[in-house]
Every structure is written in C-alpha cells, then in structure tokens.
C-alpha cells in the first residue's frame, strides 16, 4: 500500500495537520508502506512509524531508531527533530491516527465481520466466551479478543493484554476474516477506549456489563472511568444496537442516551429478563423472556453474576437476529471459562470445594462470595491479595468485603510489581481489621476450629494456598481470588511462573496424601 493511500484516510478525518516536512511532500504519494509500527524496535524495512506520546515515554524520541530499522516515514503529533532523513507527517492526534491508519492498512476487516464489543468492569471475559459460542452455534465462525486469549480461526494465542493496540487488533481481525470468521467477540477495556485503540473499528453491537471501582489509578475518578466506557457506544455506527445492563445505574444512563438498544436485568424492567434462576455449584437453569420469545438457558456456569453474563449473551444474540435455538445451544456449550469460578477440586476425592476466580475488585469479590456462601456446607475461606502499582483505593474495600462474607480470610500477595508486598497487605488490612481483628502471621501451632483467628497474613501466595487447603474441613469451600487465569506472578521486576489452578491442585494432592497416611 502507498503512503498516499494511507494518508487519505487521515486527511478525510481531519487528523492530518501537515502533509510533510523536509521538502519531501512530492515524494509521499508513491512511497510503499509494508507495515504499521508503533514500537521502534518492531519497525522493519518499509514500516510507517507512528510516534505515540505516552505517560512515561515519547515515541518521537525513538523515531531515529525506527528509521535505522527501516521505517520509511514517521507520523507524529509534533514537529520533527532536525535533519530527519524521511518524510515526517504531522497529525493532530497521534493515537487516532494510529487507529485509522491500521484500519486502512489491513483493509477494514471489521466491515466484513460482525464485531461485538464488550465493555464493563466485571463479566467481560465470560460474556465474550458466551457470545462467541452463540455465533458458532449459529454456524458463524467467530474469533475472540480478550483477557485470557485471542482466538484466530483454529489458532488460540495467550493474550498479552485485554485489548491490544490498534494495529494488533486490526491484524488479528484481518487474519480472522481471511480464515473465514464471520464474527468476533471482543473485550474492550477502558484503557483501550481512552487510548483510542478501538477507533476505526466498525462494531456490529456494543455490550455494557456493569461499572464498579477499578482502574482509578489511570482514570482518576469514576466519572472519567465511565466516560471511557461510554466511548464504545459513541463509536457504534448508525443502527448498531447497544446491549445494556440496566440493573447498573450507569447502564441505565446509557439506555437513556443510545438507540437502538436492548436492555437486560434481573431486578429492573428490561427487554431480556429471567425467571427466578436456581443456582448451585453445578450450574444454572432458567427461562429468559426476550423480544424473540422465551430462551431456555441451561448452563454449567454458576452464581448470580453469571446470570447477568448469560443474559448479556442472550440479548446480544437476539439483537443481532440469531436463532433462539442457536442462542440456547451456544450458552449450554460453554462449560468452563479459565479462571472464572473454576472448581479445581474433586468432591469425591477431596470432600471440599476449591474455587479459583479472577475477582480483583470489591464488587467482583462480593458477587463471588455471595454466590459461594449458600453452597458451603461448612466454612468459607477466602485467599486473596491486591496488585501492586494499581488502584490503591480498592484495597481496603476488598478487605472489608472478604471479612464480612468469609469465615476465614487469608491475606497474601497478588502481583506486587514494584511495591512492597507488606505495604499492600497493610492497606488491605485497613478493611479487614475493623471487621474481624488484625491479621495474624502464619502460625501452624495456632488453635483450629472456632478458637482460631479469622484473619491470617501469609505473603507467600503458594504457602497461603497450601495452608488454606490443608486446614479446610470436609464441606468447606476455599476461594482463591484475584489472579484467575494468569500463569505468572510479578514481583520486584521479576516475572516468574505461577498458576493458581496448578498450585491449588498440588495443595489438594498433598492434602489427600496427608489424609491417607
């Protein structure tokens, strides 16, 4: 593709400020572009380098490296340094320019597919799996872009981030389209929306799950966090439906603003609503009333929060005109979402239930523990921590939720990153201490049963999981929250392998051996 072809989309959108510097404007039109790069290290021969200004780095400072690696032109939001040897294209918005250039370069693949954008604080991943399954049941091959993995045709890839940068998204969509996919279920994070990674995409529908406290280290306050989420619906083309949870007040606000829409809820009058759904560790079964008629929902997913996810996927299928039979079949086929209410124990072998879940906000943890509590014949133990270098406001809130809804709380490390793990535990304990007293450092000689302390502090996550599983009695439930599907732990700049599911299963195996000896 020529540079002239690419720049035409910037010109039409008003993003182009000046066509070129260095007197090279006449050479722009026919210059061949072989790739779009936003990382100077990834620039290769024929690349168009888009220099992004970020919170810590300015891409302009790396433009020379990109040129040395083969970039034939640079797009930036500021004037060039002296003596730049390639065309320098000045734009008014570098991030929007990157998104529009990527869409153009890859041939706008979203226009040949039904891309469903899913945003919200909690529930995005499970809803995306359900939406993908509904499309597949309708005979429409569907890709997936989200927190756990990217699925491109038959190829499953581990996800680096929930919503990648625009060129990575557009490249995957192009691969999906070329592989015969007719749809894509795509999680769209608030970071991605604020940073315009989803601009230039033509969505077939947008889904809003809910909004609770998270990512305030990035957005600053809840209004700006919501404004980022709202951008998904502002990006929808005319006629594309918004699927909105109106039990959430922010979802109700969106419903008052965007049409066409299809609403869903459990408690508020909505277009898609369930009969009273019975819930157990083995699943959900209910009928949902929809504009297309009754949808019989039968799912191995459990918990009230998953009722919302099932309703969101149901409403999406109805809004996009998919057959009711396909919606029913698609929902039933999803038996497991990695790290989401994942039962890793065996009732027959272990006599207790161990659940791994990604819940990493106070609302998600509350929903999880409220779902688990009625299913626990014995005591409920919650093992969790909070990530370092992330929103600190939610730490005591999560502590309070865990203390109020658990019999025993084990405070441990999540991904401390550059922070002191003990300091993170101090901040979580601000929420647990007023409820159940100060957390006690692990003492294996401490009394068991009713006399045991209700809060423990075990910074080593492996040791915390092992202790929680070992001390559990028959009929107990142990919830391990916060990391879910993640297969690593980040601490002090080191990334080391760590998988809650694997560690919990190892702890269960040791427990069985101990009971047998």
Protein backbone atom coordinates (compact mmCIF):
# COMPACT_ATOMS: atom_id res chain seq x y z
CA UNK A 1 0.00 0.00 0.00
CA UNK A 2 1.26 3.50 -0.72
CA UNK A 3 1.70 6.23 1.85
CA UNK A 4 -0.66 8.36 -0.19
CA UNK A 5 -3.42 5.74 0.19
CA UNK A 6 -2.91 5.69 3.94
CA UNK A 7 -2.75 9.44 4.41
CA UNK A 8 -6.01 9.94 2.52
CA UNK A 9 -7.94 8.49 5.48
CA UNK A 10 -6.23 10.93 7.83
CA UNK A 11 -7.00 13.81 5.50
CA UNK A 12 -10.71 12.91 5.32
CA UNK A 13 -10.98 12.58 9.09
CA UNK A 14 -9.30 15.91 9.77
CA UNK A 15 -6.44 14.31 11.71
CA UNK A 16 -3.80 15.36 9.19
CA UNK A 17 -2.19 18.64 10.23
CA UNK A 18 0.52 18.99 7.58
CA UNK A 19 1.42 16.51 4.83
CA UNK A 20 5.19 16.51 5.22
CA UNK A 21 8.25 18.28 6.43
CA UNK A 22 11.75 18.48 4.97
CA UNK A 23 10.51 19.46 1.49
CA UNK A 24 9.62 15.85 0.65
CA UNK A 25 5.88 16.29 0.11
CA UNK A 26 6.07 15.46 -3.61
CA UNK A 27 7.59 12.05 -2.83
CA UNK A 28 4.90 10.96 -0.41
CA UNK A 29 2.18 9.62 -2.68
CA UNK A 30 4.01 6.66 -4.22
CA UNK A 31 6.09 5.63 -1.22
CA UNK A 32 5.42 1.95 -0.44
CA UNK A 33 4.45 1.05 3.13
CA UNK A 34 4.88 -2.58 4.19
CA UNK A 35 3.76 -2.36 7.82
CA UNK A 36 2.49 -0.07 10.58
CA UNK A 37 4.73 0.17 13.67
CA UNK A 38 4.24 1.96 16.99
CA UNK A 39 7.29 0.37 18.68
CA UNK A 40 10.59 1.47 17.17
CA UNK A 41 12.10 -1.94 17.98
CA UNK A 42 9.49 -3.63 15.79
CA UNK A 43 9.95 -1.28 12.84
CA UNK A 44 11.30 -3.03 9.75
CA UNK A 45 12.03 -2.18 6.12
CA UNK A 46 9.11 -0.27 4.67
CA UNK A 47 7.43 0.49 8.01
CA UNK A 48 5.38 3.58 8.71
CA UNK A 49 6.31 4.51 12.28
CA UNK A 50 3.65 6.23 14.39
CA UNK A 51 5.32 8.00 17.30
CA UNK A 52 2.96 7.88 20.28
CA UNK A 53 3.34 10.18 23.25
CA UNK A 54 2.69 8.14 26.41
CA UNK A 55 2.68 8.76 30.14
CA UNK A 56 6.35 7.78 30.50
CA UNK A 57 7.84 7.84 27.01
CA UNK A 58 7.53 9.92 23.86
CA UNK A 59 7.73 7.94 20.62
CA UNK A 60 9.38 10.92 18.91
CA UNK A 61 12.48 10.19 20.99
CA UNK A 62 12.68 6.77 19.31
CA UNK A 63 11.98 7.89 15.76
CA UNK A 64 15.62 7.71 14.72
CA UNK A 65 15.83 4.12 15.96
CA UNK A 66 12.73 3.27 13.90
CA UNK A 67 14.31 4.90 10.83
CA UNK A 68 17.54 2.99 11.37
CA UNK A 69 15.46 -0.20 11.48
CA UNK A 70 13.89 0.60 8.11
CA UNK A 71 10.97 2.98 8.68
CA UNK A 72 10.30 4.99 5.52
CA UNK A 73 8.18 7.71 7.16
CA UNK A 74 7.09 8.95 10.58
CA UNK A 75 3.68 10.10 11.80
CA UNK A 76 3.75 12.21 14.95
CA UNK A 77 1.82 14.79 16.93
CA UNK A 78 4.71 17.24 16.98
CA UNK A 79 7.31 18.72 14.67
CA UNK A 80 10.38 16.67 13.76
CA UNK A 81 13.84 16.99 15.23
CA UNK A 82 16.45 18.47 12.94
CA UNK A 83 17.77 16.52 9.96
CA UNK A 84 15.24 13.71 9.89
CA UNK A 85 16.02 11.79 6.65
CA UNK A 86 12.45 10.55 5.93
CA UNK A 87 9.06 12.21 5.45
CA UNK A 88 7.57 13.40 8.73
CA UNK A 89 3.77 13.65 8.80
CA UNK A 90 2.33 15.93 11.46
CA UNK A 91 -1.09 14.98 12.92
CA UNK A 92 -3.44 16.50 15.47
CA UNK A 93 -3.99 13.23 17.36
CA UNK A 94 -1.32 10.54 17.20
CA UNK A 95 -3.46 7.78 18.74
CA UNK A 96 -6.42 8.38 16.47
CA UNK A 97 -4.02 8.49 13.54
CA UNK A 98 -2.60 5.09 14.52
CA UNK A 99 -6.08 3.55 14.75
CA UNK A 100 -7.24 4.94 11.41
CA UNK A 101 -4.01 4.03 9.62
CA UNK A 102 -4.18 0.46 10.97
CA UNK A 103 -7.79 0.02 9.85
CA UNK A 104 -6.93 1.30 6.38
CA UNK A 105 -3.73 -0.74 6.08
CA UNK A 106 -5.49 -4.03 6.92
CA UNK A 107 -8.45 -3.27 4.67
CA UNK A 108 -11.05 -2.50 7.37
CA UNK A 109 -11.68 -6.19 8.19
CA UNK A 110 -14.34 -5.31 10.76
CA UNK A 111 -16.66 -4.28 7.95
CA UNK A 112 -16.80 -7.84 6.64
CA UNK A 113 -17.48 -9.33 10.10
CA UNK A 114 -19.87 -8.77 12.98
CA UNK A 115 -17.59 -7.46 15.72
CA UNK A 116 -19.27 -7.34 19.13
CA UNK A 117 -17.51 -5.00 21.56
CA UNK A 118 -17.97 -5.89 25.25
CA UNK A 119 -17.05 -3.43 27.99
CA UNK A 120 -17.63 -3.07 31.73
CA UNK A 121 -15.70 -3.67 34.94
CA UNK A 122 -16.68 -7.30 35.52
CA UNK A 123 -18.04 -10.06 33.31
CA UNK A 124 -16.39 -9.12 30.01
CA UNK A 125 -14.43 -12.35 29.63
CA UNK A 126 -17.24 -14.77 30.41
CA UNK A 127 -19.66 -12.79 28.24
CA UNK A 128 -17.19 -12.86 25.34
CA UNK A 129 -16.87 -16.65 25.59
CA UNK A 130 -20.65 -16.98 25.61
CA UNK A 131 -21.14 -14.62 22.66
CA UNK A 132 -18.51 -16.48 20.66
CA UNK A 133 -20.22 -19.78 21.41
CA UNK A 134 -23.63 -18.42 20.35
CA UNK A 135 -22.22 -17.29 16.99
CA UNK A 136 -20.55 -20.66 16.49
CA UNK A 137 -23.80 -22.48 17.31
CA UNK A 138 -25.48 -20.36 14.65
CA UNK A 139 -22.96 -21.63 12.11
CA UNK A 140 -20.92 -18.40 12.07
CA UNK A 141 -17.20 -18.95 12.82
CA UNK A 142 -16.25 -16.41 15.49
CA UNK A 143 -12.91 -15.10 16.68
CA UNK A 144 -12.13 -13.87 20.19
CA UNK A 145 -10.05 -11.00 21.55
CA UNK A 146 -9.88 -10.73 25.32
CA UNK A 147 -8.16 -11.03 28.66
CA UNK A 148 -7.46 -14.76 28.62
CA UNK A 149 -6.68 -15.47 24.98
CA UNK A 150 -7.00 -14.45 21.36
CA UNK A 151 -8.63 -16.97 19.02
CA UNK A 152 -7.96 -16.52 15.32
CA UNK A 153 -9.67 -19.26 13.37
CA UNK A 154 -8.48 -22.52 14.93
CA UNK A 155 -5.42 -20.85 16.48
CA UNK A 156 -5.58 -19.94 20.20
CA UNK A 157 -2.95 -17.50 21.48
CA UNK A 158 -2.23 -16.38 25.02
CA UNK A 159 -3.35 -12.78 25.46
CA UNK A 160 -0.78 -10.13 26.30
CA UNK A 161 -3.43 -7.55 27.24
CA UNK A 162 -7.23 -7.39 27.15
CA UNK A 163 -7.39 -5.07 24.14
CA UNK A 164 -4.15 -4.77 22.13
CA UNK A 165 -3.01 -1.67 20.26
CA UNK A 166 -4.98 -0.84 17.12
CA UNK A 167 -2.57 -2.39 14.57
CA UNK A 168 -2.55 -5.66 16.53
CA UNK A 169 -6.36 -5.70 16.70
CA UNK A 170 -6.74 -4.93 13.01
CA UNK A 171 -4.15 -7.53 12.03
CA UNK A 172 -5.96 -10.21 14.02
CA UNK A 173 -9.30 -9.22 12.55
CA UNK A 174 -7.77 -9.49 9.07
CA UNK A 175 -6.48 -12.97 9.94
CA UNK A 176 -9.93 -13.91 11.24
CA UNK A 177 -11.66 -12.66 8.11
CA UNK A 178 -9.16 -14.49 5.89
CA UNK A 179 -9.75 -17.66 7.95
CA UNK A 180 -13.49 -17.45 7.25
CA UNK A 181 -14.67 -15.93 10.52
CA UNK A 182 -17.93 -14.03 10.19
CA UNK A 183 -17.83 -12.55 13.68
CA UNK A 184 -15.57 -11.62 16.58
CA UNK A 185 -16.35 -11.30 20.30
CA UNK A 186 -14.04 -8.59 21.58
CA UNK A 187 -13.43 -7.35 25.09
CA UNK A 188 -12.86 -3.60 25.00
CA UNK A 189 -11.13 -2.27 28.09
CA UNK A 190 -11.47 1.25 29.46
CA UNK A 191 -7.75 1.80 28.84
CA UNK A 192 -8.21 0.83 25.20
CA UNK A 193 -11.18 3.16 24.78
CA UNK A 194 -9.41 6.08 26.45
CA UNK A 195 -6.33 5.46 24.30
CA UNK A 196 -8.42 5.09 21.10
CA UNK A 197 -7.29 1.56 20.30
CA UNK A 198 -10.82 0.71 19.19
CA UNK A 199 -11.30 3.80 16.99
CA UNK A 200 -11.58 2.96 13.32
CA UNK A 201 -13.38 -0.30 14.12
CA UNK A 202 -16.89 -0.85 12.80
CA UNK A 203 -18.74 -2.65 15.59
CA UNK A 204 -21.92 -4.60 14.94
CA UNK A 205 -23.02 -4.15 18.57
CA UNK A 206 -21.77 -2.95 21.93
CA UNK A 207 -22.36 -4.62 25.32
CA UNK A 208 -22.17 -2.94 28.73
CA UNK A 209 -21.92 -5.30 31.72
CA UNK A 210 -21.50 -3.01 34.76
CA UNK A 211 -19.30 -0.35 36.34
CA UNK A 212 -17.63 -0.64 39.74
CA UNK A 213 -14.46 0.77 41.27
CA UNK A 214 -11.32 -0.19 39.32
CA UNK A 215 -8.50 1.42 37.36
CA UNK A 216 -8.83 4.77 39.16
CA UNK A 217 -5.04 4.96 39.15
CA UNK A 218 -5.42 5.51 35.39
CA UNK A 219 -8.76 7.31 35.04
CA UNK A 220 -8.69 9.41 38.22
CA UNK A 221 -12.36 9.16 39.20
CA UNK A 222 -15.50 7.18 38.42
CA UNK A 223 -16.94 9.78 36.05
CA UNK A 224 -13.89 9.65 33.81
CA UNK A 225 -13.83 5.87 34.08
CA UNK A 226 -17.45 5.77 32.92
CA UNK A 227 -16.72 8.30 30.15
CA UNK A 228 -14.10 5.90 28.79
CA UNK A 229 -16.59 3.01 28.81
CA UNK A 230 -19.24 5.18 27.15
CA UNK A 231 -16.93 5.79 24.20
CA UNK A 232 -17.67 2.27 22.91
CA UNK A 233 -21.28 3.26 22.33
CA UNK A 234 -20.27 6.57 20.79
CA UNK A 235 -18.20 4.57 18.30
CA UNK A 236 -21.11 2.38 17.20
CA UNK A 237 -22.27 3.06 13.63
CA UNK A 238 -25.84 4.12 12.96
CA UNK A 239 -28.21 1.22 13.53
CA UNK A 240 -25.83 -0.91 15.62
CA UNK A 241 -27.55 -1.94 18.88
CA UNK A 242 -26.37 -1.27 22.41
CA UNK A 243 -26.92 -4.18 24.82
CA UNK A 244 -27.15 -2.70 28.31
CA UNK A 245 -27.42 -3.95 31.88
CA UNK A 246 -30.00 -1.57 33.38
CA UNK A 247 -29.69 -3.02 36.88
CA UNK A 248 -26.49 -0.98 36.87
CA UNK A 249 -27.21 2.75 37.17
CA UNK A 250 -24.56 3.57 34.58
CA UNK A 251 -26.15 1.09 32.20
CA UNK A 252 -29.49 2.81 32.78
CA UNK A 253 -27.83 6.13 31.92
CA UNK A 254 -26.56 4.66 28.65
CA UNK A 255 -30.05 3.32 27.88
CA UNK A 256 -31.41 6.85 28.15
CA UNK A 257 -28.85 8.06 25.61
CA UNK A 258 -28.31 5.41 22.95
CA UNK A 259 -30.70 3.82 20.45
CA UNK A 260 -31.29 1.25 19.18
CA UNK A 261 -30.81 -0.64 22.41
CA UNK A 262 -31.75 -3.92 24.03
CA UNK A 263 -31.73 -3.94 27.82
CA UNK A 264 -31.29 -6.80 30.24
CA UNK A 265 -31.66 -7.08 34.02
CA UNK A 266 -32.66 -9.28 36.93
CA UNK A 267 -34.48 -6.69 39.07
CA UNK A 268 -35.29 -3.75 36.78
CA UNK A 269 -37.91 -3.97 34.00
CA UNK A 270 -35.94 -4.78 30.83
CA UNK A 271 -36.25 -6.31 27.36
CA UNK A 272 -34.49 -9.50 28.45
CA UNK A 273 -35.26 -10.88 31.92
CA UNK A 274 -35.08 -14.30 33.60
CA UNK A 275 -37.49 -16.30 35.63
CA UNK A 276 -36.07 -16.94 39.11
CA UNK A 277 -32.86 -18.88 38.37
CA UNK A 278 -31.90 -21.65 40.78
CA UNK A 279 -28.14 -21.70 41.36
CA UNK A 280 -25.71 -24.34 42.55
CA UNK A 281 -22.10 -25.30 42.08
CA UNK A 282 -23.26 -27.42 39.15
CA UNK A 283 -24.91 -24.64 37.16
CA UNK A 284 -27.93 -22.52 36.28
CA UNK A 285 -31.26 -23.29 34.68
CA UNK A 286 -33.91 -20.70 33.84
CA UNK A 287 -36.09 -19.30 31.08
CA UNK A 288 -35.36 -15.81 29.77
CA UNK A 289 -38.10 -13.63 28.34
CA UNK A 290 -36.90 -11.80 25.22
CA UNK A 291 -38.43 -9.91 22.26
CA UNK A 292 -37.72 -13.05 20.17
CA UNK A 293 -39.62 -15.29 22.60
CA UNK A 294 -38.53 -17.47 25.50
CA UNK A 295 -34.91 -18.63 25.59
CA UNK A 296 -34.28 -21.73 27.70
CA UNK A 297 -30.97 -21.11 29.45
CA UNK A 298 -29.17 -24.23 30.65
CA UNK A 299 -25.59 -23.63 31.78
CA UNK A 300 -22.91 -25.28 33.89
CA UNK A 301 -21.80 -21.78 34.97
CA UNK A 302 -22.91 -20.84 38.49
CA UNK A 303 -23.72 -17.78 40.55
CA UNK A 304 -25.93 -14.71 40.23
CA UNK A 305 -23.16 -12.82 38.44
CA UNK A 306 -23.18 -15.46 35.70
CA UNK A 307 -26.92 -14.95 35.27
CA UNK A 308 -26.02 -11.43 34.12
CA UNK A 309 -23.37 -12.79 31.74
CA UNK A 310 -25.82 -15.31 30.28
CA UNK A 311 -28.45 -12.60 29.86
CA UNK A 312 -25.91 -10.32 28.14
CA UNK A 313 -25.05 -13.03 25.62
CA UNK A 314 -28.73 -13.89 25.15
CA UNK A 315 -29.59 -10.25 24.48
CA UNK A 316 -26.69 -9.95 22.04
CA UNK A 317 -27.88 -12.95 20.07
CA UNK A 318 -31.43 -11.60 19.98
CA UNK A 319 -30.30 -8.10 19.00
CA UNK A 320 -28.29 -9.50 16.09
CA UNK A 321 -31.13 -11.74 14.88
CA UNK A 322 -29.52 -15.10 15.70
CA UNK A 323 -31.91 -18.05 16.04
CA UNK A 324 -33.20 -18.82 19.54
CA UNK A 325 -32.09 -22.44 19.10
CA UNK A 326 -28.51 -21.26 18.43
CA UNK A 327 -28.57 -18.98 21.47
CA UNK A 328 -29.71 -21.86 23.67
CA UNK A 329 -27.14 -24.28 22.26
CA UNK A 330 -24.32 -21.75 22.41
CA UNK A 331 -24.92 -20.89 26.05
CA UNK A 332 -25.07 -24.54 27.05
CA UNK A 333 -21.80 -25.41 25.27
CA UNK A 334 -19.68 -23.11 27.46
CA UNK A 335 -18.75 -25.38 30.34
CA UNK A 336 -15.66 -23.52 31.58
CA UNK A 337 -14.09 -20.09 31.31
CA UNK A 338 -10.46 -20.30 32.54
CA UNK A 339 -10.03 -18.71 35.95
CA UNK A 340 -13.69 -17.73 36.26
CA UNK A 341 -15.48 -19.63 39.06
CA UNK A 342 -13.24 -22.56 38.17
CA UNK A 343 -13.75 -25.51 40.51
CA UNK A 344 -10.38 -27.27 40.76
CA UNK A 345 -11.21 -29.85 43.44
CA UNK A 346 -12.98 -33.19 43.21
CA UNK A 347 -15.93 -33.61 45.53
CA UNK A 348 -15.41 -37.38 45.66
CA UNK A 349 -11.64 -37.24 46.31
CA UNK A 350 -11.31 -34.08 48.39
CA UNK A 351 -14.51 -33.63 50.37
CA UNK A 352 -14.25 -29.86 50.00
CA UNK A 353 -14.62 -27.33 47.18
CA UNK A 354 -11.73 -25.15 45.94
CA UNK A 355 -12.59 -22.37 43.50
CA UNK A 356 -10.19 -20.17 41.53
CA UNK A 357 -11.58 -16.86 40.28
CA UNK A 358 -10.24 -13.67 38.72
CA UNK A 359 -12.28 -11.41 41.07
CA UNK A 360 -9.99 -8.45 41.66
CA UNK A 361 -12.42 -5.66 42.59
CA UNK A 362 -14.59 -5.32 45.67
CA UNK A 363 -17.77 -5.75 43.62
CA UNK A 364 -16.49 -8.86 41.84
CA UNK A 365 -15.35 -10.36 45.14
CA UNK A 366 -18.71 -9.57 46.75
CA UNK A 367 -20.59 -11.23 43.88
CA UNK A 368 -18.32 -14.26 44.02
CA UNK A 369 -18.59 -14.79 47.79
CA UNK A 370 -22.34 -14.17 47.80
CA UNK A 371 -22.67 -16.86 45.14
CA UNK A 372 -20.47 -19.31 47.06
CA UNK A 373 -21.84 -18.82 50.58
CA UNK A 374 -25.17 -20.66 50.11
CA UNK A 375 -23.28 -23.57 48.56
CA UNK A 376 -20.90 -24.04 51.50
CA UNK A 377 -21.94 -26.76 53.90
CA UNK A 378 -19.05 -25.80 56.16
CA UNK A 379 -16.79 -22.77 56.47
CA UNK A 380 -15.77 -20.36 53.72
CA UNK A 381 -12.11 -19.37 53.47
CA UNK A 382 -11.03 -16.60 51.08
CA UNK A 383 -7.43 -16.27 49.90
CA UNK A 384 -6.67 -13.03 48.06
CA UNK A 385 -4.40 -10.03 47.63
CA UNK A 386 -4.26 -6.87 45.51
CA UNK A 387 -1.97 -5.97 42.65
CA UNK A 388 0.85 -3.51 43.11
CA UNK A 389 1.18 -0.30 41.07
CA UNK A 390 -2.60 -0.34 40.55
CA UNK A 391 -5.66 1.32 42.05
CA UNK A 392 -4.96 1.53 45.81
CA UNK A 393 -8.46 2.74 46.73
CA UNK A 394 -9.98 -0.69 46.24
CA UNK A 395 -7.62 -2.48 48.65
CA UNK A 396 -9.44 -1.75 51.95
CA UNK A 397 -12.77 -2.15 50.15
CA UNK A 398 -11.82 -5.67 49.09
CA UNK A 399 -10.63 -6.35 52.64
CA UNK A 400 -13.99 -5.33 54.07
CA UNK A 401 -15.92 -7.50 51.60
CA UNK A 402 -13.76 -10.55 52.32
CA UNK A 403 -14.04 -10.07 56.09
CA UNK A 404 -17.82 -9.68 56.08
CA UNK A 405 -18.56 -12.61 53.76
CA UNK A 406 -15.92 -15.17 54.80
CA UNK A 407 -15.36 -17.23 57.92
CA UNK A 408 -11.60 -17.06 57.43
CA UNK A 409 -9.56 -14.59 55.38
CA UNK A 410 -6.01 -15.23 54.20
CA UNK A 411 -4.23 -12.07 53.01
CA UNK A 412 -1.48 -12.83 50.52
CA UNK A 413 0.38 -11.39 47.55
CA UNK A 414 -1.17 -10.95 44.11
CA UNK A 415 1.27 -9.30 41.67
CA UNK A 416 3.18 -6.88 43.94
CA UNK A 417 5.13 -5.50 40.98
CA UNK A 418 7.37 -2.70 42.26
CA UNK A 419 5.55 -2.25 45.59
CA UNK A 420 6.46 -3.74 48.96
CA UNK A 421 4.08 -6.72 49.43
CA UNK A 422 3.79 -5.99 53.15
CA UNK A 423 2.61 -2.44 52.44
CA UNK A 424 -0.12 -3.77 50.14
CA UNK A 425 -1.26 -6.16 52.89
CA UNK A 426 -1.28 -3.25 55.37
CA UNK A 427 -3.71 -1.37 53.12
CA UNK A 428 -5.98 -4.40 52.64
CA UNK A 429 -5.94 -4.92 56.42
CA UNK A 430 -7.41 -1.44 56.88
CA UNK A 431 -10.62 -3.04 55.63
CA UNK A 432 -10.39 -6.42 57.36
CA UNK A 433 -9.26 -5.30 60.83
CA UNK A 434 -12.40 -3.33 61.84
CA UNK A 435 -14.50 -6.37 60.90
CA UNK A 436 -12.57 -9.38 62.22
CA UNK A 437 -9.49 -8.04 64.00
CA UNK A 438 -5.87 -7.80 62.97
CA UNK A 439 -4.49 -10.49 60.70
CA UNK A 440 -2.17 -12.97 62.38
CA UNK A 441 1.13 -14.06 60.87
CA UNK A 442 1.05 -17.75 59.98
CA UNK A 443 1.49 -19.98 62.98
CA UNK A 444 0.86 -23.64 62.29
CA UNK A 445 0.55 -24.24 66.03
CA UNK A 446 -2.35 -21.79 66.32
CA UNK A 447 -5.67 -23.22 67.56
CA UNK A 448 -8.06 -24.68 65.00
CA UNK A 449 -11.85 -24.54 64.86
CA UNK A 450 -13.91 -21.73 66.44
CA UNK A 451 -10.96 -20.52 68.54
CA UNK A 452 -8.75 -19.90 65.51
CA UNK A 453 -8.06 -16.36 64.34
CA UNK A 454 -10.33 -15.28 61.49
CA UNK A 455 -7.64 -13.39 59.56
CA UNK A 456 -4.22 -14.63 58.55
CA UNK A 457 -1.35 -12.88 56.83
CA UNK A 458 0.74 -15.13 54.59
CA UNK A 459 2.62 -13.03 51.97
CA UNK A 460 3.90 -16.05 50.02
CA UNK A 461 0.97 -16.95 47.76
CA UNK A 462 1.94 -20.59 47.34
CA UNK A 463 2.22 -21.03 51.10
CA UNK A 464 -1.11 -19.22 51.60
CA UNK A 465 -2.94 -21.51 49.18
CA UNK A 466 -1.31 -24.60 50.63
CA UNK A 467 -2.25 -23.61 54.20
CA UNK A 468 -5.85 -22.72 53.30
CA UNK A 469 -6.38 -26.06 51.56
CA UNK A 470 -4.60 -28.08 54.27
CA UNK A 471 -6.64 -26.61 57.15
CA UNK A 472 -10.02 -26.97 55.42
CA UNK A 473 -12.50 -29.44 56.84
CA UNK A 474 -14.95 -31.61 54.88
CA UNK A 475 -17.77 -29.48 53.49
CA UNK A 476 -15.66 -26.29 53.48
CA UNK A 477 -15.17 -24.02 50.47
CA UNK A 478 -11.84 -22.32 49.73
CA UNK A 479 -11.94 -19.40 47.30
CA UNK A 480 -8.65 -18.27 45.72
CA UNK A 481 -9.30 -14.87 44.17
CA UNK A 482 -7.54 -12.22 42.15
CA UNK A 483 -5.37 -13.90 39.54
CA UNK A 484 -7.70 -16.40 37.91
CA UNK A 485 -6.29 -17.49 34.55
CA UNK A 486 -2.90 -15.79 34.99
CA UNK A 487 0.10 -18.09 34.75
CA UNK A 488 2.67 -15.74 36.26
CA UNK A 489 3.43 -13.58 39.28
CA UNK A 490 5.20 -10.22 39.01
CA UNK A 491 7.29 -9.13 41.96
CA UNK A 492 10.21 -6.72 42.16
CA UNK A 493 10.59 -6.58 38.39
CA UNK A 494 10.75 -10.37 38.14
CA UNK A 495 8.12 -12.38 36.27
CA UNK A 496 8.00 -15.97 37.43
CA UNK A 497 5.64 -18.84 36.60
CA UNK A 498 2.66 -19.07 38.93
CA UNK A 499 -0.75 -20.55 38.22
CA UNK A 500 -3.39 -20.58 40.99
CA UNK A 501 -5.09 -23.59 39.40
CA UNK A 502 -1.88 -25.63 39.33
CA UNK A 503 -0.81 -24.56 42.83
CA UNK A 504 -4.26 -25.37 44.25
CA UNK A 505 -4.28 -28.81 42.66
CA UNK A 506 -0.82 -29.50 44.08
CA UNK A 507 -2.07 -28.46 47.53
CA UNK A 508 -5.08 -30.75 47.15
CA UNK A 509 -2.81 -33.65 46.20
CA UNK A 510 -0.69 -33.09 49.31
CA UNK A 511 -3.84 -32.93 51.41
CA UNK A 512 -5.02 -36.28 50.05
CA UNK A 513 -1.65 -37.86 50.81
CA UNK A 514 -1.75 -36.49 54.34
CA UNK A 515 -5.22 -37.87 54.93
CA UNK A 516 -4.21 -41.27 53.53
CA UNK A 517 -1.08 -41.61 55.67
